């Protein structure tokens, strides 16, 4: 396996301009605090990373990694390359270098389920649930729209751009990925519900439930 190239900011920007995707492996909180424009949040997973990246980045798209250290970057690259994903290199978390190159880092808003409940009372936010349908059927935040993470890119036109979009999953990881995808696609009013449906449920608030439709009725 070839060594993982360490890319300068300028070289990374060239790769991104050529169609590569920048995958940020850090924790969602670190991503929210600051990340390169267009980066996609995908918390490092030492077993299922390739499968999870495939939900938001087409298989034919090469990736550049932003990792929390060399060990994490090497492990991630090994997983992705084993799944026949092209990994072009890794960059250092260096906001100043990006700003000097004219690509200042941006942030992603994070909210807790308590704040989401307040927004629901005023109906100011559109809630996007990116869990799987089986999870949804067990209970979801009232009024939420279901688009599973793996379908979001194909169905992104169904997400309203004229309202704040609060993205939720079960615990805040998949929703961070989905929110970053929306942000990269030009959505400017996006937030990640950091404690997810689990937090909403745990606070004692009621969830709505969906029963699967039966054939013939």
N, C-alpha and C. Protein backbone atom coordinates (compact mmCIF):
# COMPACT_ATOMS: atom_id res chain seq x y z
N UNK A 1 0.85 -1.19 0.00
CA UNK A 1 0.00 0.00 0.00
C UNK A 1 0.88 1.24 0.00
N UNK A 2 0.56 2.20 -0.86
CA UNK A 2 1.38 3.40 -0.97
C UNK A 2 1.24 4.26 0.28
N UNK A 3 2.29 5.04 0.56
CA UNK A 3 2.27 5.91 1.73
C UNK A 3 1.20 6.99 1.54
N UNK A 4 0.72 7.50 2.66
CA UNK A 4 -0.31 8.53 2.63
C UNK A 4 0.36 9.89 2.49
N UNK A 5 0.11 10.55 1.38
CA UNK A 5 0.75 11.83 1.11
C UNK A 5 0.18 12.92 2.00
N UNK A 6 1.06 13.75 2.55
CA UNK A 6 0.62 14.90 3.34
C UNK A 6 0.54 16.10 2.39
N UNK A 7 -0.66 16.62 2.23
CA UNK A 7 -0.91 17.67 1.24
C UNK A 7 -0.84 19.06 1.88
N UNK A 8 -0.25 19.98 1.15
CA UNK A 8 -0.32 21.38 1.56
C UNK A 8 -1.74 21.89 1.31
N UNK A 9 -2.06 23.03 1.88
CA UNK A 9 -3.38 23.61 1.66
C UNK A 9 -3.61 23.87 0.18
N UNK A 10 -2.61 24.42 -0.49
CA UNK A 10 -2.75 24.73 -1.92
C UNK A 10 -2.96 23.46 -2.73
N UNK A 11 -2.21 22.41 -2.40
CA UNK A 11 -2.35 21.15 -3.14
C UNK A 11 -3.72 20.53 -2.87
N UNK A 12 -4.18 20.63 -1.64
CA UNK A 12 -5.51 20.11 -1.31
C UNK A 12 -6.59 20.85 -2.10
N UNK A 13 -6.49 22.16 -2.17
CA UNK A 13 -7.47 22.94 -2.92
C UNK A 13 -7.47 22.54 -4.40
N UNK A 14 -6.31 22.23 -4.93
CA UNK A 14 -6.23 21.76 -6.31
C UNK A 14 -6.97 20.43 -6.46
N UNK A 15 -6.76 19.54 -5.50
CA UNK A 15 -7.43 18.24 -5.55
C UNK A 15 -8.94 18.41 -5.47
N UNK A 16 -9.39 19.29 -4.60
CA UNK A 16 -10.83 19.51 -4.46
C UNK A 16 -11.41 20.13 -5.72
N UNK A 17 -10.68 21.05 -6.32
CA UNK A 17 -11.14 21.66 -7.57
C UNK A 17 -11.23 20.62 -8.68
N UNK A 18 -10.44 19.56 -8.56
CA UNK A 18 -10.47 18.49 -9.55
C UNK A 18 -11.55 17.45 -9.29
N UNK A 19 -12.36 17.67 -8.25
CA UNK A 19 -13.49 16.77 -8.01
C UNK A 19 -13.38 15.88 -6.79
N UNK A 20 -12.27 15.95 -6.06
CA UNK A 20 -12.13 15.13 -4.86
C UNK A 20 -13.03 15.68 -3.74
N UNK A 21 -13.31 14.83 -2.76
CA UNK A 21 -14.10 15.23 -1.60
C UNK A 21 -13.19 15.27 -0.38
N UNK A 22 -13.42 16.24 0.49
CA UNK A 22 -12.64 16.36 1.72
C UNK A 22 -13.46 15.77 2.87
N UNK A 23 -12.97 14.70 3.46
CA UNK A 23 -13.68 14.00 4.53
C UNK A 23 -12.99 14.30 5.86
N UNK A 24 -13.74 14.90 6.77
CA UNK A 24 -13.24 15.30 8.08
C UNK A 24 -13.59 14.20 9.08
N UNK A 25 -12.57 13.53 9.61
CA UNK A 25 -12.75 12.37 10.48
C UNK A 25 -12.86 12.73 11.96
N UNK A 26 -12.76 13.99 12.29
CA UNK A 26 -12.78 14.40 13.69
C UNK A 26 -14.18 14.27 14.29
N UNK A 27 -14.26 14.44 15.59
CA UNK A 27 -15.54 14.38 16.28
C UNK A 27 -16.45 15.50 15.76
N UNK A 28 -17.77 15.27 15.75
CA UNK A 28 -18.70 16.30 15.27
C UNK A 28 -18.53 17.65 15.96
N UNK A 29 -18.20 17.65 17.25
CA UNK A 29 -18.03 18.92 17.96
C UNK A 29 -16.86 19.71 17.39
N UNK A 30 -15.77 19.02 17.06
CA UNK A 30 -14.62 19.69 16.47
C UNK A 30 -14.95 20.20 15.07
N UNK A 31 -15.69 19.40 14.31
CA UNK A 31 -16.11 19.84 12.98
C UNK A 31 -16.97 21.09 13.08
N UNK A 32 -17.93 21.09 13.99
CA UNK A 32 -18.82 22.23 14.13
C UNK A 32 -18.06 23.50 14.50
N UNK A 33 -17.02 23.35 15.31
CA UNK A 33 -16.25 24.51 15.75
C UNK A 33 -15.46 25.15 14.63
N UNK A 34 -15.13 24.38 13.60
CA UNK A 34 -14.40 24.93 12.46
C UNK A 34 -13.91 23.86 11.53
N UNK A 35 -14.11 24.08 10.22
CA UNK A 35 -13.68 23.11 9.21
C UNK A 35 -13.50 23.82 7.87
N UNK A 36 -12.73 23.23 6.97
CA UNK A 36 -12.56 23.83 5.64
C UNK A 36 -13.90 23.89 4.90
N UNK A 37 -14.12 24.92 4.11
CA UNK A 37 -15.37 24.99 3.35
C UNK A 37 -15.53 23.79 2.43
N UNK A 38 -16.73 23.22 2.44
CA UNK A 38 -17.00 22.06 1.59
C UNK A 38 -16.66 20.73 2.21
N UNK A 39 -16.05 20.73 3.41
CA UNK A 39 -15.68 19.46 4.05
C UNK A 39 -16.93 18.71 4.49
N UNK A 40 -16.82 17.39 4.50
CA UNK A 40 -17.90 16.51 4.92
C UNK A 40 -17.52 15.84 6.23
N UNK A 41 -18.40 15.92 7.21
CA UNK A 41 -18.13 15.33 8.52
C UNK A 41 -18.42 13.84 8.51
N UNK A 42 -17.43 13.04 8.90
CA UNK A 42 -17.62 11.60 9.00
C UNK A 42 -16.74 11.10 10.14
N UNK A 43 -17.31 11.03 11.32
CA UNK A 43 -16.57 10.62 12.51
C UNK A 43 -15.87 9.29 12.28
N UNK A 44 -14.60 9.22 12.68
CA UNK A 44 -13.80 8.01 12.45
C UNK A 44 -14.43 6.80 13.13
N UNK A 45 -14.44 5.70 12.40
CA UNK A 45 -14.96 4.42 12.88
C UNK A 45 -13.93 3.38 12.47
N UNK A 46 -13.42 2.62 13.42
CA UNK A 46 -12.34 1.69 13.08
C UNK A 46 -12.82 0.40 12.44
N UNK A 47 -14.13 0.29 12.16
CA UNK A 47 -14.64 -0.92 11.52
C UNK A 47 -15.49 -0.64 10.28
N UNK A 48 -16.32 0.40 10.32
CA UNK A 48 -17.31 0.59 9.26
C UNK A 48 -17.15 1.91 8.51
N UNK A 49 -15.97 2.47 8.53
CA UNK A 49 -15.78 3.79 7.93
C UNK A 49 -16.08 3.80 6.44
N UNK A 50 -15.57 2.81 5.71
CA UNK A 50 -15.77 2.80 4.25
C UNK A 50 -17.25 2.74 3.90
N UNK A 51 -17.99 1.93 4.62
CA UNK A 51 -19.43 1.81 4.38
C UNK A 51 -20.14 3.13 4.66
N UNK A 52 -19.73 3.82 5.71
CA UNK A 52 -20.38 5.07 6.09
C UNK A 52 -20.01 6.19 5.12
N UNK A 53 -18.76 6.24 4.69
CA UNK A 53 -18.36 7.26 3.71
C UNK A 53 -19.14 7.09 2.41
N UNK A 54 -19.39 5.84 2.04
CA UNK A 54 -20.11 5.56 0.79
C UNK A 54 -21.53 6.12 0.80
N UNK A 55 -22.07 6.40 1.98
CA UNK A 55 -23.42 6.96 2.06
C UNK A 55 -23.47 8.41 1.60
N UNK A 56 -22.33 9.11 1.66
CA UNK A 56 -22.36 10.53 1.30
C UNK A 56 -21.37 10.90 0.20
N UNK A 57 -20.47 9.98 -0.16
CA UNK A 57 -19.50 10.25 -1.22
C UNK A 57 -19.55 9.11 -2.23
N UNK A 58 -19.87 9.38 -3.49
CA UNK A 58 -19.91 8.31 -4.49
C UNK A 58 -18.60 7.52 -4.54
N UNK A 59 -18.71 6.24 -4.81
CA UNK A 59 -17.54 5.36 -4.78
C UNK A 59 -16.44 5.82 -5.73
N UNK A 60 -16.83 6.40 -6.85
CA UNK A 60 -15.83 6.81 -7.84
C UNK A 60 -15.13 8.12 -7.47
N UNK A 61 -15.58 8.78 -6.43
CA UNK A 61 -14.98 10.05 -6.01
C UNK A 61 -13.81 9.81 -5.07
N UNK A 62 -12.66 10.33 -5.41
CA UNK A 62 -11.49 10.22 -4.54
C UNK A 62 -11.65 11.15 -3.34
N UNK A 63 -10.96 10.84 -2.26
CA UNK A 63 -11.10 11.64 -1.05
C UNK A 63 -9.75 12.11 -0.53
N UNK A 64 -9.80 13.25 0.13
CA UNK A 64 -8.70 13.77 0.93
C UNK A 64 -9.18 13.73 2.38
N UNK A 65 -8.30 13.39 3.30
CA UNK A 65 -8.69 13.21 4.69
C UNK A 65 -8.19 14.36 5.57
N UNK A 66 -9.03 14.75 6.51
CA UNK A 66 -8.64 15.63 7.61
C UNK A 66 -8.84 14.81 8.87
N UNK A 67 -7.76 14.50 9.56
CA UNK A 67 -7.83 13.55 10.67
C UNK A 67 -7.32 14.16 11.96
N UNK A 68 -7.65 13.48 13.04
CA UNK A 68 -7.17 13.87 14.36
C UNK A 68 -5.90 13.08 14.66
N UNK A 69 -4.85 13.39 13.91
CA UNK A 69 -3.57 12.72 14.12
C UNK A 69 -3.23 11.73 13.03
N UNK A 70 -1.93 11.40 12.93
CA UNK A 70 -1.43 10.53 11.87
C UNK A 70 -1.94 9.10 12.00
N UNK A 71 -2.08 8.61 13.23
CA UNK A 71 -2.55 7.24 13.43
C UNK A 71 -3.95 7.06 12.89
N UNK A 72 -4.82 8.02 13.19
CA UNK A 72 -6.19 7.96 12.70
C UNK A 72 -6.22 8.05 11.18
N UNK A 73 -5.43 8.94 10.60
CA UNK A 73 -5.40 9.10 9.15
C UNK A 73 -4.95 7.82 8.47
N UNK A 74 -3.92 7.18 9.00
CA UNK A 74 -3.41 5.95 8.40
C UNK A 74 -4.43 4.83 8.47
N UNK A 75 -5.09 4.70 9.62
CA UNK A 75 -6.11 3.65 9.79
C UNK A 75 -7.29 3.89 8.85
N UNK A 76 -7.69 5.14 8.72
CA UNK A 76 -8.81 5.47 7.84
C UNK A 76 -8.46 5.18 6.39
N UNK A 77 -7.28 5.58 5.98
CA UNK A 77 -6.86 5.35 4.60
C UNK A 77 -6.81 3.86 4.28
N UNK A 78 -6.35 3.06 5.23
CA UNK A 78 -6.28 1.62 5.02
C UNK A 78 -7.67 1.03 4.80
N UNK A 79 -8.64 1.46 5.60
CA UNK A 79 -10.01 0.97 5.43
C UNK A 79 -10.58 1.36 4.08
N UNK A 80 -10.40 2.62 3.72
CA UNK A 80 -10.99 3.13 2.48
C UNK A 80 -10.34 2.49 1.26
N UNK A 81 -9.04 2.33 1.29
CA UNK A 81 -8.35 1.71 0.16
C UNK A 81 -8.70 0.24 0.04
N UNK A 82 -8.94 -0.42 1.16
CA UNK A 82 -9.36 -1.82 1.12
C UNK A 82 -10.72 -1.97 0.45
N UNK A 83 -11.50 -0.89 0.47
CA UNK A 83 -12.81 -0.88 -0.18
C UNK A 83 -12.73 -0.26 -1.58
N UNK A 84 -11.51 -0.20 -2.14
CA UNK A 84 -11.28 0.32 -3.48
C UNK A 84 -11.63 1.80 -3.63
N UNK A 85 -11.44 2.54 -2.56
CA UNK A 85 -11.64 3.98 -2.59
C UNK A 85 -10.28 4.67 -2.76
N UNK A 86 -10.18 5.59 -3.69
CA UNK A 86 -8.94 6.34 -3.88
C UNK A 86 -8.79 7.38 -2.78
N UNK A 87 -7.66 7.32 -2.08
CA UNK A 87 -7.34 8.30 -1.04
C UNK A 87 -6.12 9.08 -1.50
N UNK A 88 -6.30 10.38 -1.71
CA UNK A 88 -5.25 11.19 -2.32
C UNK A 88 -4.25 11.75 -1.33
N UNK A 89 -4.62 11.78 -0.05
CA UNK A 89 -3.70 12.31 0.93
C UNK A 89 -4.42 12.80 2.16
N UNK A 90 -3.67 13.42 3.05
CA UNK A 90 -4.20 13.93 4.30
C UNK A 90 -3.70 15.35 4.50
N UNK A 91 -4.50 16.17 5.16
CA UNK A 91 -4.09 17.55 5.46
C UNK A 91 -4.05 17.74 6.96
N UNK A 92 -3.28 18.72 7.40
CA UNK A 92 -3.23 19.08 8.81
C UNK A 92 -4.35 20.08 9.12
N UNK A 93 -4.91 20.00 10.34
CA UNK A 93 -5.86 21.04 10.75
C UNK A 93 -5.10 22.36 10.91
N UNK A 94 -5.14 23.21 9.91
CA UNK A 94 -4.37 24.45 9.91
C UNK A 94 -5.23 25.60 9.38
N UNK A 95 -6.14 26.12 10.20
CA UNK A 95 -7.05 27.18 9.73
C UNK A 95 -6.34 28.39 9.15
N UNK A 96 -5.21 28.78 9.74
CA UNK A 96 -4.52 29.98 9.26
C UNK A 96 -4.05 29.81 7.82
N UNK A 97 -3.57 28.61 7.49
CA UNK A 97 -3.09 28.36 6.13
C UNK A 97 -4.24 28.44 5.13
N UNK A 98 -5.40 27.94 5.53
CA UNK A 98 -6.56 28.01 4.65
C UNK A 98 -7.02 29.45 4.46
N UNK A 99 -7.01 30.22 5.53
CA UNK A 99 -7.40 31.63 5.43
C UNK A 99 -6.46 32.38 4.50
N UNK A 100 -5.16 32.07 4.60
CA UNK A 100 -4.18 32.73 3.74
C UNK A 100 -4.39 32.37 2.28
N UNK A 101 -4.96 31.19 2.04
CA UNK A 101 -5.23 30.75 0.66
C UNK A 101 -6.59 31.21 0.17
N UNK A 102 -7.28 32.02 0.97
CA UNK A 102 -8.58 32.55 0.56
C UNK A 102 -9.73 31.60 0.79
N UNK A 103 -9.54 30.62 1.67
CA UNK A 103 -10.59 29.63 1.95
C UNK A 103 -10.74 29.47 3.46
N UNK A 104 -11.12 30.54 4.12
CA UNK A 104 -11.23 30.54 5.58
C UNK A 104 -12.18 29.46 6.06
N UNK A 105 -11.83 28.86 7.19
CA UNK A 105 -12.68 27.82 7.76
C UNK A 105 -14.04 28.38 8.16
N UNK A 106 -15.03 27.51 8.16
CA UNK A 106 -16.39 27.89 8.51
C UNK A 106 -16.86 27.02 9.68
N UNK A 107 -17.98 27.38 10.26
CA UNK A 107 -18.53 26.63 11.38
C UNK A 107 -19.87 26.01 10.99
N UNK A 108 -20.34 25.08 11.80
CA UNK A 108 -21.66 24.48 11.63
C UNK A 108 -22.40 24.62 12.95
N UNK A 109 -23.59 25.19 12.89
CA UNK A 109 -24.36 25.39 14.12
C UNK A 109 -24.76 24.06 14.74
N UNK A 110 -24.72 24.01 16.06
CA UNK A 110 -25.17 22.84 16.81
C UNK A 110 -26.24 23.29 17.80
N UNK A 111 -27.28 22.48 17.93
CA UNK A 111 -28.32 22.77 18.91
C UNK A 111 -28.64 21.49 19.67
N UNK A 112 -29.16 21.65 20.87
CA UNK A 112 -29.62 20.50 21.65
C UNK A 112 -31.10 20.28 21.40
N UNK A 113 -31.58 19.11 21.78
CA UNK A 113 -32.98 18.78 21.54
C UNK A 113 -33.92 19.73 22.28
N UNK A 114 -33.47 20.30 23.41
CA UNK A 114 -34.30 21.28 24.11
C UNK A 114 -34.57 22.49 23.23
N UNK A 115 -33.51 22.98 22.57
CA UNK A 115 -33.67 24.13 21.68
C UNK A 115 -34.53 23.76 20.48
N UNK A 116 -34.39 22.53 20.01
CA UNK A 116 -35.22 22.07 18.89
C UNK A 116 -36.70 22.11 19.28
N UNK A 117 -37.01 21.68 20.49
CA UNK A 117 -38.40 21.69 20.94
C UNK A 117 -38.95 23.11 20.97
N UNK A 118 -38.12 24.06 21.37
CA UNK A 118 -38.56 25.46 21.37
C UNK A 118 -38.82 25.95 19.95
N UNK A 119 -37.94 25.56 19.02
CA UNK A 119 -38.14 25.94 17.62
C UNK A 119 -39.43 25.34 17.07
N UNK A 120 -39.71 24.11 17.49
CA UNK A 120 -40.94 23.47 17.02
C UNK A 120 -42.17 24.22 17.49
N UNK A 121 -42.10 24.75 18.70
CA UNK A 121 -43.25 25.49 19.24
C UNK A 121 -43.58 26.69 18.37
N UNK A 122 -42.54 27.31 17.81
CA UNK A 122 -42.75 28.47 16.93
C UNK A 122 -42.76 28.08 15.46
N UNK A 123 -42.52 26.78 15.20
CA UNK A 123 -42.50 26.25 13.84
C UNK A 123 -41.50 26.99 12.94
N UNK A 124 -40.38 27.39 13.53
CA UNK A 124 -39.39 28.15 12.77
C UNK A 124 -38.39 27.25 12.05
N UNK A 125 -38.24 26.01 12.50
CA UNK A 125 -37.24 25.12 11.90
C UNK A 125 -37.90 23.93 11.22
N UNK A 126 -37.30 23.52 10.12
CA UNK A 126 -37.70 22.29 9.44
C UNK A 126 -36.81 21.17 9.97
N UNK A 127 -37.40 20.10 10.48
CA UNK A 127 -36.64 19.01 11.07
C UNK A 127 -36.43 17.92 10.02
N UNK A 128 -35.18 17.59 9.77
CA UNK A 128 -34.82 16.55 8.81
C UNK A 128 -34.21 15.38 9.56
N UNK A 129 -34.87 14.24 9.51
CA UNK A 129 -34.42 13.03 10.20
C UNK A 129 -33.71 12.14 9.18
N UNK A 130 -32.43 11.82 9.43
CA UNK A 130 -31.64 11.07 8.45
C UNK A 130 -31.37 9.63 8.91
N UNK A 131 -32.18 9.14 9.84
CA UNK A 131 -32.05 7.74 10.25
C UNK A 131 -32.65 6.82 9.20
N UNK A 132 -32.56 5.53 9.46
CA UNK A 132 -33.13 4.54 8.55
C UNK A 132 -34.64 4.38 8.82
N UNK A 133 -35.40 3.94 7.81
CA UNK A 133 -36.85 3.80 7.99
C UNK A 133 -37.27 2.95 9.19
N UNK A 134 -36.54 1.88 9.47
CA UNK A 134 -36.91 1.04 10.62
C UNK A 134 -36.77 1.80 11.93
N UNK A 135 -35.77 2.67 12.02
CA UNK A 135 -35.62 3.50 13.22
C UNK A 135 -36.76 4.51 13.31
N UNK A 136 -37.09 5.08 12.17
CA UNK A 136 -38.16 6.08 12.08
C UNK A 136 -39.48 5.51 12.57
N UNK A 137 -39.77 4.28 12.18
CA UNK A 137 -41.05 3.66 12.54
C UNK A 137 -41.21 3.50 14.05
N UNK A 138 -40.09 3.44 14.76
CA UNK A 138 -40.15 3.28 16.21
C UNK A 138 -40.41 4.60 16.94
N UNK A 139 -40.32 5.70 16.22
CA UNK A 139 -40.61 6.99 16.83
C UNK A 139 -39.74 8.10 16.28
N UNK A 140 -40.37 9.24 15.99
CA UNK A 140 -39.64 10.37 15.42
C UNK A 140 -40.17 11.67 15.98
N UNK A 141 -39.36 12.71 15.88
CA UNK A 141 -39.75 14.03 16.35
C UNK A 141 -40.96 14.51 15.55
N UNK A 142 -42.00 14.97 16.21
CA UNK A 142 -43.21 15.39 15.49
C UNK A 142 -42.90 16.39 14.37
N UNK A 143 -43.48 16.11 13.20
CA UNK A 143 -43.33 17.01 12.07
C UNK A 143 -42.07 16.81 11.25
N UNK A 144 -41.22 15.86 11.64
CA UNK A 144 -39.95 15.67 10.94
C UNK A 144 -40.15 15.05 9.56
N UNK A 145 -39.22 15.35 8.68
CA UNK A 145 -39.17 14.76 7.34
C UNK A 145 -38.11 13.66 7.36
N UNK A 146 -38.42 12.50 6.81
CA UNK A 146 -37.47 11.40 6.76
C UNK A 146 -36.79 11.33 5.41
N UNK A 147 -35.46 11.45 5.41
CA UNK A 147 -34.64 11.12 4.25
C UNK A 147 -33.39 10.45 4.82
N UNK A 148 -33.26 9.15 4.62
CA UNK A 148 -32.10 8.43 5.16
C UNK A 148 -30.81 9.03 4.61
N UNK A 149 -29.77 8.99 5.43
CA UNK A 149 -28.50 9.62 5.05
C UNK A 149 -28.02 9.17 3.67
N UNK A 150 -28.13 7.89 3.38
CA UNK A 150 -27.65 7.38 2.11
C UNK A 150 -28.44 7.84 0.91
N UNK A 151 -29.62 8.43 1.13
CA UNK A 151 -30.46 8.92 0.04
C UNK A 151 -30.44 10.44 -0.08
N UNK A 152 -29.75 11.11 0.84
CA UNK A 152 -29.87 12.56 0.93
C UNK A 152 -29.40 13.27 -0.32
N UNK A 153 -28.26 12.86 -0.87
CA UNK A 153 -27.74 13.57 -2.03
C UNK A 153 -28.72 13.50 -3.20
N UNK A 154 -29.31 12.32 -3.43
CA UNK A 154 -30.25 12.17 -4.54
C UNK A 154 -31.55 12.93 -4.30
N UNK A 155 -31.90 13.14 -3.04
CA UNK A 155 -33.19 13.76 -2.72
C UNK A 155 -33.03 15.16 -2.12
N UNK A 156 -31.88 15.75 -2.33
CA UNK A 156 -31.60 17.03 -1.67
C UNK A 156 -32.57 18.13 -2.08
N UNK A 157 -33.15 18.02 -3.27
CA UNK A 157 -34.11 19.02 -3.73
C UNK A 157 -35.38 19.03 -2.89
N UNK A 158 -35.61 17.96 -2.12
CA UNK A 158 -36.80 17.89 -1.27
C UNK A 158 -36.63 18.65 0.05
N UNK A 159 -35.42 19.10 0.33
CA UNK A 159 -35.16 19.82 1.57
C UNK A 159 -35.33 21.31 1.32
N UNK A 160 -36.14 22.00 2.11
CA UNK A 160 -36.39 23.42 1.86
C UNK A 160 -35.15 24.27 2.14
N UNK A 161 -34.93 25.24 1.27
CA UNK A 161 -33.80 26.16 1.45
C UNK A 161 -34.22 27.48 2.08
N UNK A 162 -35.52 27.70 2.24
CA UNK A 162 -35.99 28.99 2.73
C UNK A 162 -36.29 28.97 4.23
N UNK A 163 -35.88 27.90 4.92
CA UNK A 163 -36.09 27.79 6.36
C UNK A 163 -34.83 27.24 7.02
N UNK A 164 -34.71 27.45 8.31
CA UNK A 164 -33.68 26.78 9.08
C UNK A 164 -33.94 25.27 9.04
N UNK A 165 -32.89 24.50 8.76
CA UNK A 165 -33.02 23.05 8.72
C UNK A 165 -32.25 22.47 9.91
N UNK A 166 -32.97 21.81 10.81
CA UNK A 166 -32.36 21.15 11.96
C UNK A 166 -32.27 19.66 11.63
N UNK A 167 -31.05 19.15 11.53
CA UNK A 167 -30.84 17.77 11.11
C UNK A 167 -30.66 16.89 12.34
N UNK A 168 -31.37 15.77 12.36
CA UNK A 168 -31.35 14.90 13.53
C UNK A 168 -31.17 13.45 13.11
N UNK A 169 -30.47 12.68 13.94
CA UNK A 169 -30.40 11.23 13.76
C UNK A 169 -30.69 10.62 15.13
N UNK A 170 -29.97 9.59 15.53
CA UNK A 170 -30.20 9.02 16.85
C UNK A 170 -29.32 9.67 17.91
N UNK A 171 -28.05 9.96 17.53
CA UNK A 171 -27.13 10.46 18.56
C UNK A 171 -26.26 11.63 18.12
N UNK A 172 -26.42 12.13 16.90
CA UNK A 172 -25.69 13.32 16.48
C UNK A 172 -24.54 13.09 15.52
N UNK A 173 -24.23 11.84 15.17
CA UNK A 173 -23.13 11.58 14.25
C UNK A 173 -23.57 11.59 12.79
N UNK A 174 -24.57 10.80 12.45
CA UNK A 174 -25.07 10.81 11.07
C UNK A 174 -25.64 12.17 10.70
N UNK A 175 -26.27 12.82 11.67
CA UNK A 175 -26.83 14.14 11.39
C UNK A 175 -25.73 15.16 11.11
N UNK A 176 -24.57 15.01 11.75
CA UNK A 176 -23.44 15.89 11.45
C UNK A 176 -23.00 15.69 10.00
N UNK A 177 -22.97 14.43 9.56
CA UNK A 177 -22.61 14.14 8.16
C UNK A 177 -23.63 14.76 7.21
N UNK A 178 -24.91 14.59 7.53
CA UNK A 178 -25.96 15.13 6.67
C UNK A 178 -25.92 16.65 6.64
N UNK A 179 -25.75 17.27 7.81
CA UNK A 179 -25.70 18.73 7.87
C UNK A 179 -24.51 19.26 7.08
N UNK A 180 -23.38 18.56 7.16
CA UNK A 180 -22.21 19.01 6.40
C UNK A 180 -22.45 18.87 4.90
N UNK A 181 -23.18 17.84 4.49
CA UNK A 181 -23.51 17.66 3.08
C UNK A 181 -24.41 18.80 2.60
N UNK A 182 -25.39 19.17 3.40
CA UNK A 182 -26.26 20.29 3.04
C UNK A 182 -25.46 21.58 2.96
N UNK A 183 -24.59 21.79 3.94
CA UNK A 183 -23.76 23.01 3.95
C UNK A 183 -22.88 23.06 2.70
N UNK A 184 -22.28 21.94 2.34
CA UNK A 184 -21.42 21.89 1.16
C UNK A 184 -22.23 22.15 -0.12
N UNK A 185 -23.53 21.82 -0.07
CA UNK A 185 -24.40 22.03 -1.24
C UNK A 185 -24.99 23.44 -1.28
N UNK A 186 -24.58 24.29 -0.35
CA UNK A 186 -25.00 25.68 -0.40
C UNK A 186 -26.10 26.08 0.56
N UNK A 187 -26.56 25.16 1.40
CA UNK A 187 -27.55 25.52 2.42
C UNK A 187 -26.86 26.38 3.47
N UNK A 188 -27.45 27.51 3.80
CA UNK A 188 -26.81 28.45 4.71
C UNK A 188 -27.41 28.46 6.11
N UNK A 189 -28.56 27.83 6.28
CA UNK A 189 -29.24 27.82 7.59
C UNK A 189 -29.44 26.37 8.02
N UNK A 190 -28.35 25.77 8.48
CA UNK A 190 -28.36 24.35 8.84
C UNK A 190 -27.79 24.20 10.24
N UNK A 191 -28.37 23.31 11.03
CA UNK A 191 -27.84 23.00 12.35
C UNK A 191 -27.92 21.51 12.60
N UNK A 192 -27.03 21.03 13.46
CA UNK A 192 -26.99 19.63 13.85
C UNK A 192 -27.53 19.48 15.26
N UNK A 193 -28.50 18.59 15.44
CA UNK A 193 -29.05 18.32 16.77
C UNK A 193 -28.10 17.35 17.46
N UNK A 194 -27.30 17.86 18.37
CA UNK A 194 -26.14 17.12 18.86
C UNK A 194 -26.50 15.91 19.73
N UNK A 195 -27.64 15.95 20.42
CA UNK A 195 -28.00 14.79 21.24
C UNK A 195 -29.06 13.92 20.58
N UNK A 196 -29.47 14.29 19.38
CA UNK A 196 -30.30 13.44 18.55
C UNK A 196 -31.67 13.07 19.12
N UNK A 197 -32.27 12.10 18.45
CA UNK A 197 -33.58 11.61 18.89
C UNK A 197 -33.49 10.99 20.27
N UNK A 198 -32.34 10.40 20.59
CA UNK A 198 -32.16 9.83 21.92
C UNK A 198 -32.30 10.89 23.00
N UNK A 199 -31.73 12.08 22.75
CA UNK A 199 -31.85 13.16 23.71
C UNK A 199 -33.28 13.67 23.81
N UNK A 200 -33.92 13.78 22.67
CA UNK A 200 -35.32 14.23 22.64
C UNK A 200 -36.20 13.25 23.43
N UNK A 201 -35.99 11.97 23.17
CA UNK A 201 -36.75 10.93 23.86
C UNK A 201 -36.42 10.92 25.36
N UNK A 202 -35.14 11.05 25.67
CA UNK A 202 -34.71 10.98 27.05
C UNK A 202 -35.20 12.12 27.91
N UNK A 203 -35.56 13.23 27.28
CA UNK A 203 -36.06 14.38 28.04
C UNK A 203 -37.53 14.22 28.42
N UNK A 204 -38.13 13.11 27.99
CA UNK A 204 -39.53 12.86 28.32
C UNK A 204 -40.52 13.37 27.30
N UNK A 205 -40.03 13.93 26.20
CA UNK A 205 -40.93 14.42 25.16
C UNK A 205 -41.47 13.26 24.34
N UNK A 206 -42.67 13.44 23.85
CA UNK A 206 -43.33 12.38 23.09
C UNK A 206 -42.85 12.37 21.65
N UNK A 207 -42.66 11.17 21.13
CA UNK A 207 -42.34 10.98 19.72
C UNK A 207 -43.59 10.50 19.00
N UNK A 208 -43.67 10.83 17.72
CA UNK A 208 -44.71 10.25 16.89
C UNK A 208 -44.21 8.91 16.38
N UNK A 209 -45.13 8.03 16.02
CA UNK A 209 -44.73 6.73 15.50
C UNK A 209 -45.39 6.50 14.16
N UNK A 210 -44.72 5.72 13.34
CA UNK A 210 -45.24 5.41 12.01
C UNK A 210 -45.40 3.91 11.89
N UNK A 211 -46.53 3.50 11.40
CA UNK A 211 -46.76 2.07 11.17
C UNK A 211 -46.55 1.79 9.70
N UNK A 212 -45.74 0.78 9.35
CA UNK A 212 -45.53 0.47 7.94
C UNK A 212 -46.84 0.12 7.25
N UNK A 213 -47.00 0.62 6.03
CA UNK A 213 -48.22 0.32 5.28
C UNK A 213 -48.23 -1.14 4.85
N UNK A 214 -49.39 -1.74 4.92
CA UNK A 214 -49.53 -3.13 4.50
C UNK A 214 -49.97 -3.18 3.04
N UNK A 215 -49.52 -4.20 2.35
CA UNK A 215 -49.93 -4.35 0.96
C UNK A 215 -51.43 -4.60 0.89
N UNK A 216 -52.06 -3.93 -0.05
CA UNK A 216 -53.48 -4.12 -0.25
C UNK A 216 -54.34 -3.29 0.68
N UNK A 217 -53.73 -2.39 1.46
CA UNK A 217 -54.56 -1.57 2.31
C UNK A 217 -53.76 -0.80 3.31
